[in-house]
Protein backbone atom coordinates (compact mmCIF):
# COMPACT_ATOMS: atom_id res chain seq x y z
CA UNK A 1 64.59 78.51 45.38
CA UNK A 2 64.69 77.92 49.10
CA UNK A 3 66.11 74.59 50.25
CA UNK A 4 63.86 72.35 52.36
CA UNK A 5 66.62 71.45 54.91
CA UNK A 6 67.31 75.17 55.45
CA UNK A 7 63.60 75.90 55.96
CA UNK A 8 63.30 73.06 58.49
CA UNK A 9 66.39 74.05 60.45
CA UNK A 10 65.57 77.79 60.46
CA UNK A 11 61.77 77.91 60.27
CA UNK A 12 61.23 80.83 62.65
CA UNK A 13 64.02 82.92 61.12
CA UNK A 14 62.85 82.21 57.55
CA UNK A 15 59.29 83.32 58.42
CA UNK A 16 60.50 86.47 60.19
CA UNK A 17 62.74 87.53 57.32
CA UNK A 18 60.15 86.76 54.63
CA UNK A 19 57.71 88.92 56.59
CA UNK A 20 59.98 91.87 55.69
CA UNK A 21 58.63 91.48 52.16
CA UNK A 22 55.08 92.01 53.39
CA UNK A 23 53.90 88.53 52.41
CA UNK A 24 51.96 85.89 54.45
CA UNK A 25 55.17 84.03 55.21
CA UNK A 26 53.82 81.70 57.90
CA UNK A 27 51.08 80.41 55.58
CA UNK A 28 53.56 79.81 52.75
CA UNK A 29 56.06 77.99 54.93
CA UNK A 30 53.31 75.87 56.49
CA UNK A 31 52.21 74.87 52.98
CA UNK A 32 55.78 73.88 52.14
CA UNK A 33 56.14 71.85 55.33
CA UNK A 34 52.82 70.07 54.68
CA UNK A 35 53.83 69.32 51.10
CA UNK A 36 57.17 67.96 52.29
CA UNK A 37 55.49 65.81 54.93
CA UNK A 38 53.16 64.39 52.28
CA UNK A 39 56.12 63.65 50.02
CA UNK A 40 58.07 62.01 52.84
CA UNK A 41 55.06 59.89 53.83
CA UNK A 42 54.64 58.58 50.29
CA UNK A 43 58.38 57.98 50.05
CA UNK A 44 58.32 55.97 53.28
CA UNK A 45 55.37 53.89 52.11
CA UNK A 46 57.12 53.30 48.78
CA UNK A 47 60.33 52.23 50.54
CA UNK A 48 58.40 49.86 52.78
CA UNK A 49 56.62 48.28 49.80
CA UNK A 50 59.94 47.85 47.98
CA UNK A 51 61.56 46.29 51.06
CA UNK A 52 58.65 43.88 51.55
CA UNK A 53 58.67 42.94 47.87
CA UNK A 54 62.42 42.31 48.00
CA UNK A 55 62.07 40.14 51.10
CA UNK A 56 59.25 38.03 49.60
CA UNK A 57 61.15 37.63 46.33
CA UNK A 58 64.05 36.07 48.22
CA UNK A 59 61.69 33.56 49.89
CA UNK A 60 59.99 32.44 46.66
CA UNK A 61 63.04 30.53 45.42
CA UNK A 62 63.41 28.79 48.77
CA UNK A 63 59.74 27.78 48.79
CA UNK A 64 59.96 26.29 45.30
CA UNK A 65 63.20 24.47 46.22
CA UNK A 66 61.57 22.91 49.28
CA UNK A 67 58.55 21.80 47.28
CA UNK A 68 56.13 24.32 48.80
CA UNK A 69 54.65 25.23 45.43
CA UNK A 70 51.33 26.54 46.72
CA UNK A 71 53.01 28.86 49.21
CA UNK A 72 55.46 30.00 46.52
CA UNK A 73 52.61 30.88 44.14
CA UNK A 74 50.83 32.78 46.92
CA UNK A 75 54.04 34.71 47.52
CA UNK A 76 54.33 35.48 43.79
CA UNK A 77 50.74 36.77 43.76
CA UNK A 78 51.50 38.98 46.75
CA UNK A 79 54.60 40.28 44.97
CA UNK A 80 52.49 41.21 41.95
CA UNK A 81 50.13 43.18 44.19
CA UNK A 82 53.06 44.94 45.85
CA UNK A 83 54.58 45.70 42.45
CA UNK A 84 51.38 47.42 41.34
CA UNK A 85 51.23 49.29 44.64
CA UNK A 86 54.84 50.39 44.21
CA UNK A 87 54.03 51.68 40.72
CA UNK A 88 51.10 53.71 42.04
CA UNK A 89 53.18 55.06 44.92
CA UNK A 90 55.95 56.08 42.54
CA UNK A 91 53.43 58.04 40.45
CA UNK A 92 52.07 59.67 43.62
CA UNK A 93 55.62 60.50 44.71
CA UNK A 94 56.44 62.17 41.39
CA UNK A 95 53.24 64.22 41.65
CA UNK A 96 53.99 65.20 45.26
CA UNK A 97 57.56 66.21 44.38
CA UNK A 98 56.34 68.28 41.44
CA UNK A 99 53.70 69.99 43.59
CA UNK A 100 56.28 70.80 46.26
CA UNK A 101 58.78 72.14 43.71
CA UNK A 102 56.13 74.31 42.04
CA UNK A 103 55.19 75.69 45.45
CA UNK A 104 58.82 76.44 46.29
CA UNK A 105 59.24 78.23 42.95
CA UNK A 106 56.56 80.76 43.99
CA UNK A 107 58.32 81.72 47.24
CA UNK A 108 60.81 84.61 47.02
CA UNK A 109 64.26 84.62 48.54
CA UNK A 110 64.73 85.25 52.25
CA UNK A 111 65.98 88.83 52.83
CA UNK A 112 69.35 89.29 54.51
CA UNK A 113 69.24 90.42 58.15
CA UNK A 114 70.42 93.93 57.15
CA UNK A 115 67.50 94.53 54.77
CA UNK A 116 65.26 97.35 56.11
CA UNK A 117 61.61 96.64 56.78
CA UNK A 118 59.21 98.36 54.40
CA UNK A 119 56.66 97.90 51.65
CA UNK A 120 57.78 100.29 48.89
CA UNK A 121 60.64 102.43 47.59
CA UNK A 122 59.77 105.14 50.11
CA UNK A 123 61.10 102.80 52.81
CA UNK A 124 64.51 102.25 51.20
CA UNK A 125 67.50 103.33 53.28
CA UNK A 126 69.93 105.89 51.86
CA UNK A 127 73.42 104.57 52.58
CA UNK A 128 75.38 107.49 51.15
CA UNK A 129 75.27 110.35 48.65
CA UNK A 130 78.28 111.42 46.58
CA UNK A 131 78.90 114.52 44.46
CA UNK A 132 77.27 117.91 44.15
CA UNK A 133 74.03 118.29 42.24
CA UNK A 134 74.58 120.68 39.33
CA UNK A 135 72.53 123.88 39.42
CA UNK A 136 71.30 124.63 35.91
CA UNK A 137 70.30 128.11 34.68
CA UNK A 138 66.78 128.95 33.60
CA UNK A 139 65.77 127.58 30.24
CA UNK A 140 67.58 124.26 30.54
CA UNK A 141 65.75 121.30 29.07
CA UNK A 142 64.87 117.73 30.04
CA UNK A 143 66.59 115.07 27.99
CA UNK A 144 63.61 114.39 25.71
CA UNK A 145 63.68 118.04 24.61
CA UNK A 146 67.47 117.97 24.23
CA UNK A 147 67.03 114.92 22.00
CA UNK A 148 64.95 116.97 19.58
CA UNK A 149 67.29 119.96 19.72
CA UNK A 150 70.43 117.93 18.94
CA UNK A 151 68.87 115.04 17.01
CA UNK A 152 70.10 112.48 19.58
CA UNK A 153 67.20 110.03 19.64
CA UNK A 154 63.69 109.89 18.24
CA UNK A 155 60.82 108.33 20.16
CA UNK A 156 58.25 108.91 17.40
CA UNK A 157 60.30 107.02 14.84
CA UNK A 158 60.45 104.15 17.31
CA UNK A 159 56.65 104.20 17.53
CA UNK A 160 56.47 104.11 13.74
CA UNK A 161 58.79 101.12 13.45
CA UNK A 162 57.70 99.15 16.53
CA UNK A 163 55.72 101.00 19.19
CA UNK A 164 56.10 103.17 22.27
CA UNK A 165 59.19 102.50 24.36
CA UNK A 166 61.50 101.60 21.45
CA UNK A 167 63.67 104.69 20.76
CA UNK A 168 65.78 105.24 17.66
CA UNK A 169 69.23 106.71 18.38
CA UNK A 170 70.97 108.50 15.54
CA UNK A 171 74.11 110.41 14.67
CA UNK A 172 76.11 111.44 17.70
CA UNK A 173 73.39 110.00 19.91
CA UNK A 174 74.02 106.54 18.44
CA UNK A 175 77.75 107.06 18.84
CA UNK A 176 77.24 108.06 22.49
CA UNK A 177 75.36 104.79 23.05
CA UNK A 178 78.15 102.76 21.47
CA UNK A 179 80.77 104.73 23.44
CA UNK A 180 79.05 103.97 26.75
CA UNK A 181 78.77 100.26 25.92
CA UNK A 182 82.47 100.07 25.00
CA UNK A 183 83.47 102.10 28.05
CA UNK A 184 81.55 99.85 30.45
CA UNK A 185 82.86 96.68 28.82
CA UNK A 186 86.48 97.84 28.81
CA UNK A 187 86.25 98.91 32.45
CA UNK A 188 84.81 95.50 33.30
CA UNK A 189 87.64 93.71 31.53
CA UNK A 190 90.18 95.86 33.43
CA UNK A 191 88.48 94.81 36.67
CA UNK A 192 88.98 91.13 35.83
CA UNK A 193 85.60 90.26 34.32
CA UNK A 194 85.51 87.90 31.34
CA UNK A 195 83.52 89.41 28.48
CA UNK A 196 80.60 87.24 27.36
CA UNK A 197 78.45 87.62 24.26
CA UNK A 198 75.32 85.64 25.09
CA UNK A 199 72.00 84.83 23.38
CA UNK A 200 69.26 87.41 23.89
CA UNK A 201 66.55 84.76 23.95
CA UNK A 202 66.23 82.09 26.64
CA UNK A 203 64.32 78.88 27.21
CA UNK A 204 62.03 78.21 30.18
CA UNK A 205 64.73 76.34 32.13
CA UNK A 206 67.00 79.40 32.02
CA UNK A 207 64.16 81.69 33.11
CA UNK A 208 63.37 79.43 36.05
CA UNK A 209 67.05 79.05 36.89
CA UNK A 210 67.55 82.72 37.81
CA UNK A 211 64.05 83.33 39.15
CA UNK A 212 62.66 85.31 36.21
CA UNK A 213 60.04 82.59 35.84
CA UNK A 214 57.42 82.36 37.14
CA UNK A 215 57.93 85.75 38.85
CA UNK A 216 58.33 88.00 35.77
CA UNK A 217 56.38 85.91 33.27
CA UNK A 218 53.90 88.70 32.53
CA UNK A 219 56.69 91.26 32.11
CA UNK A 220 58.76 89.25 29.62
CA UNK A 221 58.25 89.13 25.86
CA UNK A 222 57.33 85.59 24.84
CA UNK A 223 57.67 83.89 21.44
CA UNK A 224 55.03 81.10 21.50
CA UNK A 225 56.05 79.42 18.24
CA UNK A 226 59.49 78.63 19.65
CA UNK A 227 58.67 78.62 23.38
CA UNK A 228 61.39 81.22 24.03
CA UNK A 229 61.58 84.48 25.97
CA UNK A 230 63.43 87.71 25.16
CA UNK A 231 65.81 88.41 28.01
CA UNK A 232 64.96 91.05 30.65
CA UNK A 233 68.69 91.33 31.47
CA UNK A 234 71.99 89.66 30.56
CA UNK A 235 72.07 88.22 34.08
CA UNK A 236 69.77 85.41 32.93
CA UNK A 237 71.77 83.89 30.04
CA UNK A 238 75.17 84.61 31.60
CA UNK A 239 74.37 83.03 34.98
CA UNK A 240 72.75 80.05 33.27
CA UNK A 241 76.05 79.23 31.55
CA UNK A 242 76.80 77.44 34.82
CA UNK A 243 73.46 75.65 35.24
CA UNK A 244 73.97 71.96 36.19
CA UNK A 245 77.72 72.53 36.69
CA UNK A 246 79.85 71.29 39.58
CA UNK A 247 82.78 73.64 40.22
CA UNK A 248 85.94 73.30 42.25
CA UNK A 249 86.75 75.73 45.04
CA UNK A 250 89.81 76.78 43.02
CA UNK A 251 87.45 78.04 40.28
CA UNK A 252 86.19 80.89 42.47
CA UNK A 253 85.60 83.69 41.88
CA UNK A 254 84.02 83.43 38.44
CA UNK A 255 83.61 86.96 37.05
CA UNK A 256 81.72 87.67 33.83
CA UNK A 257 80.39 90.76 32.09
CA UNK A 258 78.33 91.15 28.98
CA UNK A 259 76.48 93.67 26.87
CA UNK A 260 72.98 92.89 25.60
CA UNK A 261 69.85 94.69 24.60
CA UNK A 262 67.19 94.03 27.25
CA UNK A 263 63.44 93.68 26.75
CA UNK A 264 60.71 94.39 29.29
CA UNK A 265 57.00 94.81 28.70
CA UNK A 266 56.72 97.26 31.64
CA UNK A 267 52.96 96.70 31.66
CA UNK A 268 51.09 99.32 33.65
CA UNK A 269 53.86 101.96 33.57
CA UNK A 270 52.40 105.37 32.80
CA UNK A 271 52.85 109.01 33.81
CA UNK A 272 55.39 111.83 33.68
CA UNK A 273 58.03 109.78 35.55
CA UNK A 274 58.34 107.44 32.54
CA UNK A 275 58.83 110.13 29.89
CA UNK A 276 61.73 110.01 27.44
CA UNK A 277 64.32 107.39 28.36
CA UNK A 278 63.11 106.95 31.94
CA UNK A 279 61.35 103.65 31.17
CA UNK A 280 61.64 101.68 27.93
CA UNK A 281 60.62 98.34 26.47
CA UNK A 282 64.04 97.90 24.85
CA UNK A 283 67.28 99.27 26.24
CA UNK A 284 71.00 98.52 26.34
CA UNK A 285 72.86 97.38 29.42
CA UNK A 286 76.20 95.96 30.49
CA UNK A 287 75.84 93.41 33.28
CA UNK A 288 78.39 92.00 35.72
CA UNK A 289 77.91 88.54 37.23
CA UNK A 290 79.93 86.72 39.87
CA UNK A 291 79.76 83.14 41.13
CA UNK A 292 81.64 82.72 44.37
CA UNK A 293 82.18 80.79 47.59
CA UNK A 294 79.41 81.36 50.19
CA UNK A 295 81.96 82.66 52.71
CA UNK A 296 83.08 85.36 50.27
CA UNK A 297 79.77 86.50 48.76
CA UNK A 298 79.05 89.51 50.96
CA UNK A 299 82.60 90.77 50.64
CA UNK A 300 82.17 90.30 46.87
CA UNK A 301 78.88 92.17 47.01
CA UNK A 302 80.54 95.22 48.52
CA UNK A 303 83.33 95.04 45.93
CA UNK A 304 80.76 95.01 43.11
CA UNK A 305 78.95 98.04 44.53
CA UNK A 306 82.27 99.87 44.84
CA UNK A 307 83.11 98.98 41.24
CA UNK A 308 79.86 100.49 39.93
CA UNK A 309 80.61 103.59 42.00
CA UNK A 310 83.90 104.03 40.12
CA UNK A 311 82.01 104.04 36.82
CA UNK A 312 79.69 106.81 38.00
CA UNK A 313 82.64 108.77 39.38
CA UNK A 314 84.44 108.55 36.02
CA UNK A 315 81.28 109.79 34.31
CA UNK A 316 81.27 112.71 36.80
CA UNK A 317 77.69 112.05 37.86
CA UNK A 318 76.31 112.75 41.37
CA UNK A 319 74.92 109.53 42.80
CA UNK A 320 73.51 107.89 45.88
CA UNK A 321 73.28 104.31 47.15
CA UNK A 322 70.11 102.80 48.56
CA UNK A 323 69.68 99.65 50.62
CA UNK A 324 66.36 98.30 49.33
CA UNK A 325 63.69 97.46 51.87
CA UNK A 326 61.99 94.06 51.95
CA UNK A 327 58.99 95.21 49.93
CA UNK A 328 61.17 96.64 47.15
CA UNK A 329 63.52 93.66 46.75
CA UNK A 330 63.33 91.63 43.58
CA UNK A 331 61.97 88.09 43.86
CA UNK A 332 65.37 86.37 43.86
CA UNK A 333 67.44 88.86 45.87
CA UNK A 334 68.59 88.49 49.47
CA UNK A 335 70.17 91.96 49.53
CA UNK A 336 70.19 94.70 46.89
CA UNK A 337 71.88 98.08 46.69
CA UNK A 338 70.48 100.44 44.07
CA UNK A 339 72.67 103.20 42.66
CA UNK A 340 70.86 106.29 41.44
CA UNK A 341 72.16 109.34 39.55
CA UNK A 342 70.83 112.86 39.81
CA UNK A 343 68.84 114.20 36.87
CA UNK A 344 69.32 117.97 37.01
CA UNK A 345 66.54 119.03 34.64
CA UNK A 346 63.98 116.60 36.06
CA UNK A 347 65.21 117.32 39.62
CA UNK A 348 64.93 113.68 40.64
CA UNK A 349 67.03 110.58 41.24
CA UNK A 350 67.12 107.93 38.52
CA UNK A 351 68.03 104.32 39.21
CA UNK A 352 70.85 103.14 36.93
CA UNK A 353 72.15 100.03 38.69
CA UNK A 354 71.00 97.29 41.04
CA UNK A 355 73.68 95.11 42.63
CA UNK A 356 72.27 91.99 44.27
CA UNK A 357 73.39 88.97 46.25
CA UNK A 358 71.14 85.96 45.64
CA UNK A 359 73.04 83.65 48.01
CA UNK A 360 71.97 80.07 47.08
CA UNK A 361 68.53 81.00 45.72
CA UNK A 362 69.52 80.81 42.05
CA UNK A 363 72.12 78.08 42.43
CA UNK A 364 69.56 75.77 44.08
CA UNK A 365 67.27 76.25 41.10
CA UNK A 366 70.11 75.74 38.63
CA UNK A 367 71.88 72.95 40.55
CA UNK A 368 75.05 75.05 40.47
CA UNK A 369 77.37 73.46 43.01
CA UNK A 370 81.00 73.21 43.99
CA UNK A 371 83.03 70.38 45.44
CA UNK A 372 85.14 71.03 48.55
CA UNK A 373 88.46 69.39 49.50
CA UNK A 374 86.55 66.40 50.90
CA UNK A 375 84.56 66.10 47.64
CA UNK A 376 81.39 67.16 49.44
CA UNK A 377 78.97 69.15 47.24
CA UNK A 378 77.66 72.60 48.25
CA UNK A 379 75.57 75.28 46.54
CA UNK A 380 77.55 78.27 45.25
CA UNK A 381 76.49 81.90 45.72
CA UNK A 382 75.53 84.06 42.73
CA UNK A 383 75.59 87.85 42.43
CA UNK A 384 74.93 90.34 39.67
CA UNK A 385 74.79 94.04 39.00
CA UNK A 386 74.02 96.53 36.27
CA UNK A 387 77.29 98.08 35.15
CA UNK A 388 75.46 99.95 33.79
CA UNK A 389 72.00 100.36 32.21
CA UNK A 390 72.29 103.06 29.56
CA UNK A 391 68.96 104.94 29.24
CA UNK A 392 68.97 106.90 32.50
CA UNK A 393 72.74 107.37 32.33
CA UNK A 394 72.21 109.03 28.94
CA UNK A 395 69.34 111.09 30.39
CA UNK A 396 71.52 112.38 33.23
CA UNK A 397 74.57 113.00 31.03
CA UNK A 398 72.47 115.07 28.63
CA UNK A 399 70.67 117.07 31.30
CA UNK A 400 73.54 117.65 33.74
CA UNK A 401 76.07 118.67 31.07
CA UNK A 402 74.00 120.95 28.82
CA UNK A 403 75.53 124.30 27.95
CA UNK A 404 74.67 127.01 25.39
CA UNK A 405 77.35 125.52 23.12
CA UNK A 406 76.10 121.94 23.39
CA UNK A 407 76.36 118.97 25.74
CA UNK A 408 79.76 118.38 27.32
CA UNK A 409 81.03 114.81 27.21
CA UNK A 410 82.87 113.54 30.33
CA UNK A 411 86.59 113.20 29.76
CA UNK A 412 86.51 109.43 30.41
CA UNK A 413 84.14 108.99 27.45
CA UNK A 414 85.82 111.26 24.92
CA UNK A 415 88.25 108.59 23.75
CA UNK A 416 85.22 106.44 22.88
CA UNK A 417 82.96 109.14 21.38
CA UNK A 418 85.64 110.93 19.38
CA UNK A 419 84.09 114.28 20.34
CA UNK A 420 84.10 116.45 23.49
CA UNK A 421 80.82 118.24 22.83
CA UNK A 422 77.59 116.90 21.43
CA UNK A 423 76.12 119.72 19.34
């Protein structure tokens, strides 16, 4: 959530950067400023009424003491009127503050100055490309056909049990899933991340804290009887561990990683590009989260991107890094780098990780602050990244490494799978 003081001090810059997202930024900011002016006006009127009531209350005793009973009673009557007015103003103030907060919750984060202008993924900037794309012989198969050939996963069984988008992994396919999860977690621990096992359901406060609500409300699975949501990513519960917390500067950086299943409705996703594991309603992912000092967050961001790169290098997958344009940024992000791997059989790039810096957007919502040496409170910066989402990694591993004898397993994974070839 954007902070009112920041909007006031940087109005022109905030509007210009929000315009990168292709939204009517000037109108939104003007609404915020009007709402804040209304709130401030009511607050001033309330303060004036309280001050007047306090002043009259002090005079009443003096009037009674000096025998001016009639004047004292008139003052008491005026105090009663002011008290009722103060009550009404307080109710108006609460309503105005709620209206302003609800408005602020609908405004996305301000893009960083380096974010490219654009409205869709076609406008994303390719930062670099690493590795050679494998050239497969004729007759090679996409991963959904390889799944049938080697009994790796079964989409139809998932439909039978639940519905489309809920695959069933089995045999060596299930072991490959578990191997990837363990590999990503162990690598995270080596890199200094604390492993977290978090709930996979969240309350509304947690959803609002990271910006999933109200932005992704229609894309999240909701359990009405308990007023809970299934998580879209481990970022939400893990980051919310520090909601309403005041840290010390010495606590930074806070580094956490966690594996969870993730749930997304993906409403409106159809077509050949979502076949197989390309887009699912339930999938596994290891997430990395950092909470850090504002002066260190962009250095931390680059370190997190570099860390995800090492995972892809160890898996021997060709990849590229994209700087997302304003129109393709998520609601809460100030700057996001997507990492994509090459899918040899589909001949296309598949996103497997997004690494984002949210600056103070999430911490302002969560009231996540730190105290400096002078005991002054500041908002911390939050960052997160997929490290990594499994489905498209599995798709690329299967397609890129298929041979007549079976699917070769990267050396870095063999200690986790227990086999070198999936056949």
